[in-house]
N, C-alpha and C. Protein backbone atom coordinates (compact mmCIF):
# COMPACT_ATOMS: atom_id res chain seq x y z
N UNK A 1 40.24 -143.35 200.26
CA UNK A 1 41.91 -142.90 200.64
C UNK A 1 42.08 -141.93 200.60
N UNK A 2 43.08 -140.47 200.48
CA UNK A 2 43.20 -139.65 200.52
C UNK A 2 45.09 -139.97 199.52
N UNK A 3 44.62 -139.06 198.79
CA UNK A 3 45.46 -138.75 197.90
C UNK A 3 45.91 -138.66 196.79
N UNK A 4 46.37 -139.00 195.78
CA UNK A 4 46.68 -139.32 194.62
C UNK A 4 47.75 -140.80 194.78
N UNK A 5 47.51 -142.09 194.04
CA UNK A 5 48.17 -142.80 194.55
C UNK A 5 49.54 -142.92 193.41
N UNK A 6 50.81 -143.14 193.54
CA UNK A 6 51.56 -143.98 192.14
C UNK A 6 52.46 -144.27 192.76
N UNK A 7 53.39 -145.20 192.73
CA UNK A 7 54.78 -146.10 192.85
C UNK A 7 55.92 -146.23 192.05
N UNK A 8 56.64 -146.15 193.02
CA UNK A 8 57.79 -145.99 192.74
C UNK A 8 58.63 -146.97 193.24
N UNK A 9 59.57 -147.71 192.07
CA UNK A 9 60.91 -148.45 192.65
C UNK A 9 62.14 -147.81 192.86
N UNK A 10 62.53 -148.30 193.81
CA UNK A 10 64.05 -147.75 194.09
C UNK A 10 64.98 -148.68 194.36
N UNK A 11 66.25 -148.70 193.79
CA UNK A 11 67.71 -149.56 194.01
C UNK A 11 68.19 -148.98 194.98
N UNK A 12 68.74 -149.51 195.93
CA UNK A 12 69.29 -149.28 196.96
C UNK A 12 70.63 -149.87 197.00
N UNK A 13 71.83 -149.97 198.10
CA UNK A 13 72.82 -150.92 198.51
C UNK A 13 72.24 -152.19 198.65
N UNK A 14 70.83 -152.32 199.46
CA UNK A 14 71.01 -153.66 199.79
C UNK A 14 69.13 -154.28 199.14
N UNK A 15 69.39 -153.61 198.09
CA UNK A 15 68.18 -153.81 196.93
C UNK A 15 67.12 -153.01 196.37
N UNK A 16 65.69 -153.80 195.79
CA UNK A 16 65.12 -152.46 195.34
C UNK A 16 64.10 -152.97 196.13
N UNK A 17 63.77 -151.05 197.17
CA UNK A 17 63.07 -150.98 197.50
C UNK A 17 61.64 -150.32 197.09
N UNK A 18 60.64 -150.30 197.55
CA UNK A 18 59.17 -149.40 196.60
C UNK A 18 59.03 -148.63 197.99
N UNK A 19 58.34 -147.63 196.61
CA UNK A 19 57.89 -146.12 197.37
C UNK A 19 56.15 -146.06 196.79
N UNK A 20 55.12 -146.35 197.68
CA UNK A 20 54.06 -145.94 197.38
C UNK A 20 53.17 -144.61 198.00
N UNK A 21 53.21 -143.61 197.30
CA UNK A 21 53.16 -142.35 197.28
C UNK A 21 51.65 -141.85 197.26
N UNK A 22 51.29 -141.54 198.31
CA UNK A 22 50.11 -140.69 198.32
C UNK A 22 50.08 -139.36 198.62
N UNK A 23 50.27 -138.93 197.82
CA UNK A 23 50.46 -137.12 197.48
C UNK A 23 49.07 -136.23 197.51
N UNK A 24 49.43 -135.50 198.00
CA UNK A 24 48.58 -134.70 198.29
C UNK A 24 48.57 -133.17 197.48
N UNK A 25 47.11 -132.68 197.14
CA UNK A 25 47.75 -131.14 196.81
C UNK A 25 48.23 -130.03 197.45
N UNK A 26 49.47 -129.65 196.64
CA UNK A 26 50.05 -128.66 197.61
C UNK A 26 50.19 -128.90 198.84
N UNK A 27 51.32 -130.08 198.63
CA UNK A 27 52.42 -130.60 199.70
C UNK A 27 53.39 -129.97 200.30
N UNK A 28 53.11 -130.04 201.72
CA UNK A 28 54.18 -128.68 202.34
C UNK A 28 55.22 -129.47 203.21
N UNK A 29 55.12 -131.08 203.65
CA UNK A 29 55.57 -132.13 203.73
C UNK A 29 56.03 -133.29 203.01
N UNK A 30 56.52 -134.23 203.73
CA UNK A 30 56.53 -135.31 202.96
C UNK A 30 56.97 -135.72 204.35
N UNK A 31 55.95 -137.64 204.64
CA UNK A 31 55.95 -137.91 205.38
C UNK A 31 56.35 -139.76 205.31
N UNK A 32 56.89 -139.50 205.15
CA UNK A 32 57.92 -141.23 204.39
C UNK A 32 58.02 -142.36 205.81
N UNK A 33 56.86 -143.63 205.33
CA UNK A 33 56.84 -144.63 206.79
C UNK A 33 57.17 -146.18 206.32
N UNK A 34 58.17 -146.51 207.54
CA UNK A 34 58.22 -147.42 206.60
C UNK A 34 57.81 -148.69 207.91
N UNK A 35 57.94 -150.27 207.34
CA UNK A 35 56.44 -151.22 208.12
C UNK A 35 57.64 -151.34 209.21
N UNK A 36 57.09 -152.50 210.22
CA UNK A 36 58.06 -153.21 210.97
C UNK A 36 58.71 -154.65 210.51
N UNK A 37 59.15 -155.65 211.36
CA UNK A 37 60.19 -156.64 210.92
C UNK A 37 59.14 -157.62 210.10
N UNK A 38 57.84 -157.91 210.89
CA UNK A 38 57.02 -158.64 210.53
C UNK A 38 55.71 -158.64 209.75
N UNK A 39 55.62 -157.31 208.83
CA UNK A 39 54.75 -156.88 208.27
C UNK A 39 55.10 -155.62 207.55
N UNK A 40 54.27 -155.02 206.44
CA UNK A 40 54.26 -154.69 205.56
C UNK A 40 53.64 -153.36 205.65
N UNK A 41 52.93 -152.68 204.22
CA UNK A 41 52.27 -151.44 204.51
C UNK A 41 51.07 -151.66 204.03
N UNK A 42 50.54 -152.57 204.91
CA UNK A 42 49.48 -153.34 204.49
C UNK A 42 48.71 -153.03 206.45
N UNK A 43 49.58 -152.55 207.57
CA UNK A 43 49.46 -152.44 209.03
C UNK A 43 48.15 -151.16 208.36
N UNK A 44 47.53 -151.41 209.73
CA UNK A 44 46.08 -150.20 210.29
C UNK A 44 46.40 -149.79 210.18
N UNK A 45 47.04 -148.99 211.33
CA UNK A 45 47.88 -147.90 211.59
C UNK A 45 48.37 -146.69 210.19
N UNK A 46 49.55 -147.36 209.54
CA UNK A 46 50.00 -146.83 208.18
C UNK A 46 49.19 -146.74 207.39
N UNK A 47 48.12 -147.41 206.38
CA UNK A 47 47.16 -147.18 205.93
C UNK A 47 46.21 -145.57 206.66
N UNK A 48 45.73 -146.47 207.76
CA UNK A 48 45.34 -145.00 208.49
C UNK A 48 45.55 -143.51 208.02
N UNK A 49 46.44 -143.34 208.68
CA UNK A 49 47.63 -142.17 208.15
C UNK A 49 48.00 -141.98 206.82
N UNK A 50 47.92 -143.23 206.31
CA UNK A 50 48.17 -142.55 204.66
C UNK A 50 46.31 -142.09 203.67
N UNK A 51 45.40 -142.63 204.71
CA UNK A 51 44.32 -142.04 204.51
C UNK A 51 44.13 -140.42 204.31
N UNK A 52 44.69 -140.36 205.64
CA UNK A 52 44.50 -138.97 206.47
C UNK A 52 44.98 -137.67 206.49
N UNK A 53 46.61 -138.04 206.24
CA UNK A 53 47.88 -137.36 205.82
C UNK A 53 47.18 -136.21 205.00
N UNK A 54 47.07 -136.33 203.73
CA UNK A 54 47.28 -135.47 202.23
C UNK A 54 46.09 -134.55 202.42
N UNK A 55 44.79 -134.26 203.41
CA UNK A 55 44.38 -133.21 203.45
C UNK A 55 44.63 -132.70 204.00
N UNK A 56 46.07 -132.90 204.91
CA UNK A 56 46.39 -131.60 205.61
C UNK A 56 47.61 -131.27 204.95
N UNK A 57 47.95 -131.30 203.84
CA UNK A 57 48.70 -131.07 202.25
C UNK A 57 50.26 -131.85 203.14
N UNK A 58 50.05 -132.95 203.48
CA UNK A 58 50.83 -134.00 203.85
C UNK A 58 50.92 -134.94 202.70
N UNK A 59 51.98 -135.05 202.00
CA UNK A 59 52.17 -136.23 201.16
C UNK A 59 52.91 -137.54 201.84
N UNK A 60 52.23 -138.56 201.51
CA UNK A 60 52.27 -139.52 202.13
C UNK A 60 53.20 -140.12 202.13
N UNK A 61 54.50 -140.88 201.98
CA UNK A 61 55.30 -141.86 201.51
C UNK A 61 55.41 -143.45 202.17
N UNK A 62 54.47 -144.78 201.83
CA UNK A 62 54.77 -145.65 202.43
C UNK A 62 56.00 -146.38 201.83
N UNK A 63 56.77 -146.45 202.47
CA UNK A 63 58.09 -147.24 202.38
C UNK A 63 58.14 -149.22 202.30
N UNK A 64 58.47 -149.96 201.85
CA UNK A 64 58.79 -150.89 201.27
C UNK A 64 59.66 -151.67 201.33
N UNK A 65 60.88 -151.69 202.68
CA UNK A 65 62.29 -152.56 202.44
C UNK A 65 62.20 -153.29 201.38
N UNK A 66 63.42 -153.27 201.09
CA UNK A 66 64.30 -154.40 199.98
C UNK A 66 63.48 -155.85 200.60
N UNK A 67 63.93 -155.96 201.82
CA UNK A 67 63.73 -157.61 202.30
C UNK A 67 62.14 -157.90 201.87
N UNK A 68 61.64 -156.88 201.99
CA UNK A 68 60.27 -157.37 201.90
C UNK A 68 59.47 -157.47 200.31
N UNK A 69 60.20 -156.03 199.36
CA UNK A 69 60.48 -156.44 197.97
C UNK A 69 60.64 -157.79 197.81
N UNK A 70 61.34 -158.31 197.87
CA UNK A 70 62.11 -159.43 197.67
C UNK A 70 61.85 -161.09 198.01
N UNK A 71 60.18 -160.70 198.76
CA UNK A 71 59.64 -161.72 198.80
C UNK A 71 60.07 -162.50 200.34
N UNK A 72 61.08 -161.68 200.80
CA UNK A 72 61.47 -162.39 202.13
C UNK A 72 60.22 -162.01 203.59
N UNK A 73 59.98 -163.46 204.08
CA UNK A 73 59.01 -163.19 205.34
C UNK A 73 60.32 -162.57 206.69
N UNK A 74 61.31 -162.58 206.96
CA UNK A 74 62.23 -162.34 208.04
C UNK A 74 62.98 -161.24 207.47
N UNK A 75 62.92 -159.95 208.67
CA UNK A 75 63.75 -158.82 208.38
C UNK A 75 65.05 -159.31 208.51
N UNK A 76 66.39 -158.37 207.33
CA UNK A 76 67.30 -158.82 208.01
C UNK A 76 67.81 -157.80 209.20
N UNK A 77 69.30 -158.06 209.61
CA UNK A 77 70.00 -157.15 210.68
C UNK A 77 69.39 -155.20 210.74
N UNK A 78 69.54 -155.23 211.96
CA UNK A 78 69.36 -153.70 211.78
C UNK A 78 69.86 -152.64 211.30
N UNK A 79 71.42 -152.86 211.20
CA UNK A 79 72.85 -152.30 209.85
C UNK A 79 72.12 -152.35 208.16
N UNK A 80 71.07 -153.51 208.38
CA UNK A 80 70.94 -153.44 206.67
C UNK A 80 69.72 -152.85 205.98
N UNK A 81 68.65 -152.91 207.25
CA UNK A 81 67.55 -152.00 207.24
C UNK A 81 68.26 -150.29 206.72
N UNK A 82 69.21 -150.30 207.88
CA UNK A 82 69.47 -148.26 208.12
C UNK A 82 70.25 -148.61 206.00
N UNK A 83 70.95 -149.30 206.14
CA UNK A 83 71.38 -149.12 204.58
C UNK A 83 70.33 -149.26 203.64
N UNK A 84 69.14 -149.54 203.68
CA UNK A 84 68.21 -149.80 202.38
C UNK A 84 67.80 -148.53 202.53
N UNK A 85 67.06 -148.13 203.78
CA UNK A 85 66.31 -146.63 204.29
C UNK A 85 67.23 -145.08 203.19
N UNK A 86 68.62 -145.46 203.79
CA UNK A 86 69.92 -144.16 203.44
C UNK A 86 70.00 -144.36 202.10
N UNK A 87 69.78 -145.72 201.35
CA UNK A 87 69.62 -145.69 199.85
C UNK A 87 68.06 -145.07 199.27
N UNK A 88 67.04 -145.49 199.80
CA UNK A 88 66.35 -144.12 199.22
C UNK A 88 65.82 -143.38 199.59
N UNK A 89 66.35 -142.71 200.78
CA UNK A 89 66.37 -141.21 201.19
C UNK A 89 66.22 -140.21 199.76
N UNK A 90 67.46 -140.30 198.86
CA UNK A 90 67.51 -139.18 197.96
C UNK A 90 66.19 -139.33 197.24
N UNK A 91 65.12 -139.58 197.43
CA UNK A 91 64.41 -140.04 196.24
C UNK A 91 63.54 -139.31 197.36
N UNK A 92 63.44 -139.49 198.10
CA UNK A 92 62.13 -138.92 198.93
C UNK A 92 63.24 -137.50 199.05
N UNK A 93 63.82 -136.88 198.99
CA UNK A 93 64.19 -135.56 199.28
C UNK A 93 64.60 -134.95 198.09
N UNK A 94 64.13 -135.38 197.34
CA UNK A 94 64.54 -135.26 195.10
C UNK A 94 62.81 -134.24 195.30
N UNK A 95 62.44 -134.49 196.41
CA UNK A 95 60.87 -133.77 195.75
C UNK A 95 60.60 -132.30 196.39
N UNK A 96 62.01 -132.33 196.87
CA UNK A 96 62.28 -130.58 197.16
C UNK A 96 61.67 -130.54 198.39
N UNK A 97 60.52 -131.32 199.35
CA UNK A 97 59.52 -130.68 200.66
C UNK A 97 60.99 -131.26 201.46
N UNK A 98 60.18 -130.66 202.94
CA UNK A 98 61.00 -131.08 204.33
C UNK A 98 60.06 -132.70 204.08
N UNK A 99 61.54 -133.91 204.77
CA UNK A 99 60.69 -134.89 205.27
C UNK A 99 61.01 -135.14 206.51
N UNK A 100 59.58 -135.72 207.07
CA UNK A 100 59.58 -136.19 207.95
C UNK A 100 59.52 -138.17 207.52
N UNK A 101 60.73 -138.93 208.99
CA UNK A 101 61.17 -139.86 208.52
C UNK A 101 60.45 -140.85 209.52
N UNK A 102 59.72 -142.08 209.56
CA UNK A 102 58.78 -142.43 210.55
C UNK A 102 58.80 -144.05 209.65
N UNK A 103 57.61 -144.83 210.47
CA UNK A 103 57.87 -146.32 210.81
C UNK A 103 57.34 -146.65 212.03
N UNK A 104 57.09 -148.08 211.73
CA UNK A 104 56.95 -148.25 213.08
C UNK A 104 57.16 -149.66 213.07
N UNK A 105 57.23 -150.03 214.60
CA UNK A 105 58.22 -151.34 215.13
C UNK A 105 60.00 -150.87 215.29
N UNK A 106 60.63 -151.82 214.02
CA UNK A 106 61.69 -152.24 213.77
C UNK A 106 62.17 -150.80 212.77
N UNK A 107 61.03 -150.18 212.28
CA UNK A 107 60.86 -149.02 210.76
C UNK A 107 61.18 -147.70 211.75
N UNK A 108 60.66 -147.52 213.05
CA UNK A 108 60.62 -146.43 213.59
C UNK A 108 61.81 -146.40 214.69
N UNK A 109 62.76 -147.68 214.71
CA UNK A 109 64.31 -147.58 215.42
C UNK A 109 64.62 -147.19 213.60
N UNK A 110 64.68 -147.88 213.01
CA UNK A 110 65.32 -147.20 211.90
C UNK A 110 65.17 -145.76 211.53
N UNK A 111 64.33 -144.91 211.58
CA UNK A 111 64.06 -143.13 211.04
C UNK A 111 64.51 -142.83 212.34
N UNK A 112 64.37 -143.51 214.06
CA UNK A 112 65.61 -142.37 214.82
C UNK A 112 66.97 -141.97 214.80
N UNK A 113 67.25 -143.89 214.58
CA UNK A 113 68.72 -143.97 214.14
C UNK A 113 69.61 -143.67 212.90
N UNK A 114 68.80 -142.76 212.04
CA UNK A 114 69.20 -141.88 210.59
C UNK A 114 68.68 -140.88 210.78
N UNK A 115 67.86 -140.16 211.25
CA UNK A 115 66.93 -138.91 211.46
C UNK A 115 68.38 -137.49 211.08
N UNK A 116 69.08 -137.62 211.84
CA UNK A 116 69.70 -136.34 212.16
C UNK A 116 70.53 -136.60 210.56
N UNK A 117 71.99 -138.42 210.65
CA UNK A 117 72.25 -137.88 209.42
C UNK A 117 71.97 -137.60 207.65
N UNK A 118 70.42 -138.14 208.14
CA UNK A 118 70.00 -137.71 206.89
C UNK A 118 69.52 -136.13 206.53
N UNK A 119 68.91 -135.56 208.01
CA UNK A 119 68.90 -134.26 207.84
C UNK A 119 66.87 -133.90 207.63
N UNK A 120 66.76 -134.89 208.05
CA UNK A 120 64.82 -135.50 208.65
C UNK A 120 64.57 -134.29 209.40
N UNK A 121 63.46 -134.04 208.79
CA UNK A 121 63.20 -133.09 209.28
C UNK A 121 62.12 -133.18 211.27
N UNK A 122 61.72 -134.09 211.23
CA UNK A 122 61.22 -134.65 212.65
C UNK A 122 61.02 -136.24 212.41
N UNK A 123 60.38 -137.19 213.21
CA UNK A 123 60.98 -138.71 213.27
C UNK A 123 59.84 -139.02 214.00
N UNK A 124 58.43 -139.62 213.11
CA UNK A 124 57.12 -140.60 213.57
C UNK A 124 57.67 -142.04 214.35
N UNK A 125 57.57 -142.02 215.41
CA UNK A 125 57.40 -143.59 215.95
C UNK A 125 55.97 -143.91 216.35
N UNK A 126 55.79 -145.12 215.22
CA UNK A 126 54.63 -145.96 215.79
C UNK A 126 54.78 -147.38 216.40
N UNK A 127 54.60 -146.99 217.51
CA UNK A 127 54.97 -148.56 218.01
C UNK A 127 56.54 -149.06 218.51
N UNK A 128 57.15 -147.91 219.13
CA UNK A 128 58.78 -147.94 219.36
C UNK A 128 58.63 -149.39 219.90
N UNK A 129 59.75 -149.91 219.19
CA UNK A 129 60.08 -151.70 220.64
C UNK A 129 60.79 -150.93 221.16
N UNK A 130 60.69 -150.31 221.92
CA UNK A 130 61.51 -149.61 223.44
C UNK A 130 62.09 -151.15 224.47
N UNK A 131 62.13 -152.59 224.09
CA UNK A 131 62.57 -153.25 225.05
C UNK A 131 61.63 -154.51 224.23
N UNK A 132 62.72 -155.85 223.88
CA UNK A 132 61.83 -156.92 223.74
C UNK A 132 60.46 -157.21 224.69
N UNK A 133 59.98 -158.06 224.31
CA UNK A 133 58.53 -158.11 225.46
C UNK A 133 59.17 -159.12 226.58
N UNK A 134 58.97 -158.69 227.54
CA UNK A 134 59.40 -159.40 228.85
C UNK A 134 60.77 -159.32 229.40
N UNK A 135 61.32 -158.35 228.68
CA UNK A 135 62.74 -157.79 228.61
C UNK A 135 63.69 -156.43 228.80
N UNK A 136 62.59 -156.15 230.37
CA UNK A 136 62.69 -154.05 229.83
C UNK A 136 64.38 -153.88 230.15
N UNK A 137 65.05 -155.15 230.73
CA UNK A 137 66.68 -154.06 231.12
C UNK A 137 67.68 -154.32 229.02
N UNK A 138 66.42 -154.99 228.61
CA UNK A 138 67.54 -154.44 226.92
C UNK A 138 66.97 -153.59 226.21
N UNK A 139 66.51 -152.24 226.68
CA UNK A 139 66.11 -151.10 226.51
C UNK A 139 67.03 -149.86 225.25
N UNK A 140 66.11 -150.02 224.57
CA UNK A 140 66.52 -148.88 223.41
C UNK A 140 66.53 -147.91 223.40
N UNK A 141 66.30 -147.50 224.82
CA UNK A 141 65.81 -145.79 224.53
C UNK A 141 66.44 -144.89 224.14
N UNK A 142 67.68 -144.95 223.82
CA UNK A 142 69.09 -144.38 223.34
C UNK A 142 68.82 -144.05 221.95
N UNK A 143 68.01 -145.28 221.73
CA UNK A 143 67.78 -144.79 219.88
C UNK A 143 66.87 -143.41 219.44
N UNK A 144 65.76 -144.18 220.45
CA UNK A 144 64.81 -142.40 220.51
C UNK A 144 65.12 -141.43 221.11
N UNK A 145 66.00 -141.47 221.56
CA UNK A 145 65.95 -140.70 222.33
C UNK A 145 67.08 -139.95 221.80
N UNK A 146 67.91 -140.32 221.56
CA UNK A 146 68.78 -140.06 220.06
C UNK A 146 69.16 -139.21 218.53
N UNK A 147 67.53 -139.03 218.43
CA UNK A 147 66.82 -139.13 217.18
C UNK A 147 67.61 -137.48 216.79
N UNK A 148 67.27 -136.75 217.97
CA UNK A 148 68.17 -135.30 217.69
C UNK A 148 66.62 -134.35 217.50
N UNK A 149 65.98 -135.41 216.95
CA UNK A 149 64.94 -133.70 216.03
C UNK A 149 63.40 -134.45 216.86
N UNK A 150 62.91 -133.37 215.88
CA UNK A 150 61.47 -133.48 217.47
C UNK A 150 60.99 -134.75 216.55
N UNK A 151 60.29 -135.86 217.70
CA UNK A 151 60.10 -136.92 217.19
C UNK A 151 58.61 -136.78 217.95
N UNK A 152 57.90 -137.98 217.37
CA UNK A 152 56.42 -137.82 218.07
C UNK A 152 56.05 -139.53 217.99
N UNK A 153 56.15 -139.96 219.66
CA UNK A 153 55.71 -141.76 219.86
C UNK A 153 54.03 -141.57 219.80
N UNK A 154 54.03 -142.90 218.98
CA UNK A 154 52.00 -142.79 218.74
C UNK A 154 52.82 -144.76 219.48
N UNK A 155 51.82 -144.83 220.75
CA UNK A 155 51.76 -145.85 221.40
C UNK A 155 50.55 -147.21 222.34
N UNK A 156 50.40 -148.21 221.64
CA UNK A 156 49.49 -149.13 222.45
C UNK A 156 49.67 -148.86 223.43
N UNK A 157 48.50 -149.06 224.77
CA UNK A 157 48.58 -148.57 226.35
C UNK A 157 48.95 -150.10 226.88
N UNK A 158 48.98 -151.08 226.01
CA UNK A 158 48.99 -152.46 226.03
C UNK A 158 49.98 -153.12 225.57
N UNK A 159 50.82 -151.92 224.69
CA UNK A 159 52.58 -153.09 223.78
C UNK A 159 52.90 -153.77 225.32
N UNK A 160 53.76 -155.25 224.59
CA UNK A 160 54.58 -156.02 224.73
C UNK A 160 55.59 -155.23 224.53
N UNK A 161 55.75 -154.52 223.88
CA UNK A 161 57.69 -154.00 223.60
C UNK A 161 57.78 -151.99 224.22
N UNK A 162 56.99 -152.03 224.97
CA UNK A 162 57.00 -151.39 226.09
C UNK A 162 55.41 -150.21 225.85
N UNK A 163 54.94 -150.27 227.26
CA UNK A 163 54.13 -149.35 227.58
C UNK A 163 53.82 -147.99 227.33
N UNK A 164 53.23 -146.57 227.48
CA UNK A 164 53.53 -145.95 227.71
C UNK A 164 54.30 -145.17 229.00
N UNK A 165 53.74 -145.59 229.94
CA UNK A 165 54.63 -145.32 231.20
C UNK A 165 56.03 -145.99 231.35
N UNK A 166 56.28 -147.09 230.81
CA UNK A 166 57.78 -147.68 230.80
C UNK A 166 58.47 -146.24 229.82
N UNK A 167 58.11 -145.54 229.60
CA UNK A 167 59.03 -144.74 228.08
C UNK A 167 59.96 -143.83 229.23
N UNK A 168 61.13 -143.20 228.73
CA UNK A 168 61.53 -142.57 230.34
C UNK A 168 61.93 -141.10 229.81
N UNK A 169 61.85 -140.34 230.20
CA UNK A 169 61.55 -138.42 230.17
C UNK A 169 62.09 -137.68 229.16
N UNK A 170 62.29 -137.71 228.67
CA UNK A 170 63.22 -136.67 227.12
C UNK A 170 62.00 -135.75 226.57
N UNK A 171 62.86 -135.13 225.19
CA UNK A 171 62.02 -134.53 224.06
C UNK A 171 61.47 -135.42 223.03
N UNK A 172 60.85 -135.73 223.53
CA UNK A 172 59.36 -136.23 222.80
C UNK A 172 58.33 -136.20 223.11
N UNK A 173 57.20 -136.58 222.42
CA UNK A 173 55.65 -136.35 222.35
C UNK A 173 54.91 -137.54 222.22
N UNK A 174 54.11 -137.70 222.85
CA UNK A 174 53.90 -139.42 223.08
C UNK A 174 52.39 -139.08 222.86
N UNK A 175 51.68 -140.01 222.03
CA UNK A 175 50.08 -140.01 222.11
C UNK A 175 50.07 -141.56 222.55
N UNK A 176 49.13 -142.34 223.06
CA UNK A 176 48.83 -143.25 223.82
C UNK A 176 47.03 -143.94 223.54
N UNK A 177 46.93 -144.96 222.34
CA UNK A 177 46.16 -145.31 222.02
C UNK A 177 45.90 -146.33 223.66
N UNK A 178 44.64 -145.90 224.09
CA UNK A 178 44.25 -146.80 224.64
C UNK A 178 44.04 -148.66 225.04
N UNK A 179 44.32 -149.51 225.13
CA UNK A 179 44.06 -150.82 225.43
C UNK A 179 44.82 -151.71 223.96
N UNK A 180 45.15 -150.19 223.47
CA UNK A 180 46.36 -151.29 221.91
C UNK A 180 47.19 -152.09 222.46
N UNK A 181 47.81 -153.24 221.16
CA UNK A 181 48.57 -153.63 221.39
C UNK A 181 49.75 -153.34 220.09
N UNK A 182 50.87 -154.30 219.87
CA UNK A 182 51.65 -154.13 219.00
C UNK A 182 51.18 -153.45 217.87
N UNK A 183 50.62 -153.98 217.36
CA UNK A 183 49.85 -153.69 216.14
C UNK A 183 48.25 -152.74 215.75
N UNK A 184 48.01 -152.29 217.43
CA UNK A 184 46.91 -151.19 217.69
C UNK A 184 45.52 -151.70 217.77
N UNK A 185 45.79 -153.08 217.74
CA UNK A 185 44.67 -154.32 217.88
C UNK A 185 44.04 -154.04 219.19
N UNK A 186 42.83 -154.06 219.01
CA UNK A 186 41.96 -153.23 220.54
C UNK A 186 40.80 -154.65 220.37
N UNK A 187 41.33 -155.05 221.77
CA UNK A 187 40.53 -156.13 222.15
C UNK A 187 39.01 -156.01 222.46
N UNK A 188 38.29 -157.19 222.29
CA UNK A 188 36.98 -156.69 221.98
C UNK A 188 35.96 -156.24 222.88
N UNK A 189 37.00 -155.98 224.29
CA UNK A 189 35.97 -156.33 226.14
C UNK A 189 36.53 -154.63 226.19
N UNK A 190 37.40 -153.69 225.27
CA UNK A 190 37.74 -152.39 225.89
C UNK A 190 36.63 -151.13 225.95
N UNK A 191 36.56 -150.51 226.35
CA UNK A 191 35.51 -149.28 226.15
C UNK A 191 35.61 -148.87 224.90
N UNK A 192 36.73 -148.96 223.89
CA UNK A 192 36.51 -147.93 222.80
C UNK A 192 37.00 -148.97 221.58
N UNK A 193 36.69 -148.74 220.35
CA UNK A 193 36.68 -149.75 219.47
C UNK A 193 37.64 -149.11 218.25
N UNK A 194 37.58 -150.12 217.27
CA UNK A 194 38.40 -150.70 216.02
C UNK A 194 39.06 -149.07 216.24
N UNK A 195 37.95 -148.70 215.37
CA UNK A 195 37.71 -147.15 214.36
C UNK A 195 38.47 -146.19 215.44
N UNK A 196 37.61 -146.26 216.51
CA UNK A 196 38.27 -145.15 217.54
C UNK A 196 40.07 -145.28 217.82
N UNK A 197 40.15 -146.47 218.08
CA UNK A 197 41.81 -146.34 218.20
C UNK A 197 42.75 -145.21 216.66
N UNK A 198 42.26 -146.09 215.82
CA UNK A 198 43.05 -145.25 214.44
C UNK A 198 42.19 -143.64 214.85
N UNK A 199 41.78 -143.23 214.84
CA UNK A 199 41.31 -141.61 215.67
C UNK A 199 42.11 -141.53 215.12
N UNK A 200 42.42 -141.97 217.19
CA UNK A 200 43.49 -141.13 218.15
C UNK A 200 44.47 -140.74 217.44
N UNK A 201 45.20 -142.46 216.56
CA UNK A 201 46.60 -142.10 215.84
C UNK A 201 45.98 -141.09 214.75
N UNK A 202 45.44 -141.03 213.76
CA UNK A 202 45.24 -140.09 213.16
C UNK A 202 45.64 -138.70 213.21
N UNK A 203 44.53 -138.68 214.26
CA UNK A 203 44.05 -137.29 215.01
C UNK A 203 45.59 -136.57 215.77
N UNK A 204 46.40 -137.35 216.22
CA UNK A 204 47.38 -137.42 217.09
C UNK A 204 48.17 -137.07 216.08
N UNK A 205 48.80 -137.12 214.97
CA UNK A 205 49.31 -137.33 214.03
C UNK A 205 49.72 -135.88 212.87
N UNK A 206 48.14 -135.84 213.05
CA UNK A 206 47.76 -134.85 212.02
C UNK A 206 47.86 -133.59 213.24
N UNK A 207 47.64 -133.66 214.25
CA UNK A 207 47.83 -132.25 214.85
C UNK A 207 49.13 -132.17 215.13
N UNK A 208 50.22 -133.08 215.50
CA UNK A 208 51.52 -133.02 215.06
C UNK A 208 52.45 -132.56 214.18
N UNK A 209 52.27 -132.76 212.83
CA UNK A 209 52.65 -132.23 211.71
C UNK A 209 51.51 -130.98 211.55
N UNK A 210 50.43 -130.73 212.24
CA UNK A 210 50.37 -128.91 211.57
C UNK A 210 51.31 -128.65 212.48
N UNK A 211 51.83 -128.94 213.50
CA UNK A 211 52.67 -127.83 214.23
C UNK A 211 53.81 -127.87 213.45
N UNK A 212 54.64 -128.19 212.84
CA UNK A 212 56.04 -128.71 212.53
C UNK A 212 56.25 -127.38 212.00
């Protein structure tokens, strides 16, 4: 895996958060990414990005929300997630580099909702949950479209929370991971493999950050 790793504990109004840093040599950007509502920073896409981006002079900060650090299995309400993210943001900004806010699923929603107020340089939205499965009328497109900064969505082609073709027009870029579900898992019958899918993710994110 790329980068030098160290761990930082941060106290926030929502409890203690944890940042696992993958530091790049001569970094020019920080990409801070948090996990979803049911998983952690061991998610395949987060780990692939953390391994690939330091070579592009991007330090990756893998953020664990306070509920996860506390050992709870279910995420709290979105407002509480936002409180935790705001509380750890000063530790990201203190590095003295532009910070790209990001996350997967619920973490992507947090990044979008808070980007403008926190002064994020851009937003990376992995598996953005456009709507609950089977409930397209419950759209969260306003969160994505309201980010107010350059935004990249990386979405699985078979994500039940929103397939790429369901996303509205807007000022953001979108990379599709063919056959991928909400966790970017690829079925065995697909014409691409799991490693191919992770390559699409890391190459898409790397090209995007290179252009920021």
